[in-house]
Amino acid sequence: LQGYASEMDNPNLVHLIPSALQNKKDILFGNLPEIYEFHNRQIFLKEIENCIENPDLLARCFLKRKEDLQIYEKYCQNKPRSEALWRQCGDSIFFQECQRKLDHKLSLDAYLLKPVQRITKYQLLLKEMLKCSKNSEGTAELEEALATMLDIIKSVNDSMHQIAITGYEGDVSELGKLLMQGSFNVWTDHKKGHNKVKDLARFKPMQRHLFLYTKMLLFCKKREENTDGHEKTASYSFKNSLKMSTVGITENVKGDNKKFEIWYNGREEVYIIQASSVELKNTWISEIRKVLT
């Protein structure tokens, strides 16, 4: 923040800032100042240090700071935009100059990854602690703390995918909370239309990436794109959506215990969805049930 973000306001360096970066400080750094502020107050650190003598109190620190730690969610949601901007301007003289002044071996993008790594380290720490504390005092709280951290990480992962949805006309943020997302085989069966279509539909499944929100279920097609010299990034092109207020669900489909049905408008449209495992199917069904009830 001092060596890069503040330098963007340095009148001596202003002429080195690439035009693509003008007024985009918030995109590049996201809410990093907020994360810095939280840790800089040292309340969390002090609470954790107090557990050195009483490790069974550690879980409580995480449970107490559940809300605070959600600032990482916001940071990770912005990360794809930040990375895209970095790919555009990362090799500019401005960044080289800042790095030289700081005498850093690594460039800025390595540091911008730190918060993402930090939030995943917390859950590893809690997992290790759980291994060492079977049936002792505080085990239940540790499990709860771990669940809390895994929940934040799941939200982070889900929202990273959600950012990549393309072609959806509405505003994704108005669909309610994103509860689940994942890839499935999908067969459709429409009562309307030609019979031939219906027979074909039984035959070959479509690969669809589903996003389950409290108000809507989105069906998208996943596309892998090679970004110049970088790893593949997935995008999800929107295909269709079902309002959760009008869908029904059939939990079991004859002949395959990994399949379930979602139907629309009194079975006018039926979607047969096949999960990769029975556990995954059951998780989705229970989330959908919660929404429907």
Foldseek 3Di string as FASTA:
>chain_A
DVLALVCCPPPVCVVQADPLCVPVSCLQQPVVVLVCVVCVVVPLVVQCVVCPVPVLCNLVSLVVCLVVLLSLLRLLLSVVSNVVSCVVPVVTPSQVVSCVVVVDPDGPVVVSCVSVVVLVVVLVVLVVVLVVAPPHPNNVSSVVSSVSSVVSVQSSVLSNQVVQEPDDPDDPVVLARFDDKAKWWKAKAAPDDDVVNRVVSVPGTAIWIWTDHLFKIWTWHWDWDDDVVDHTDIHTYTDDMATLQFKDKACDDPPDLQWIWIAGDVNNMIMIIGDPDNVVSVVVVVVSVVSND
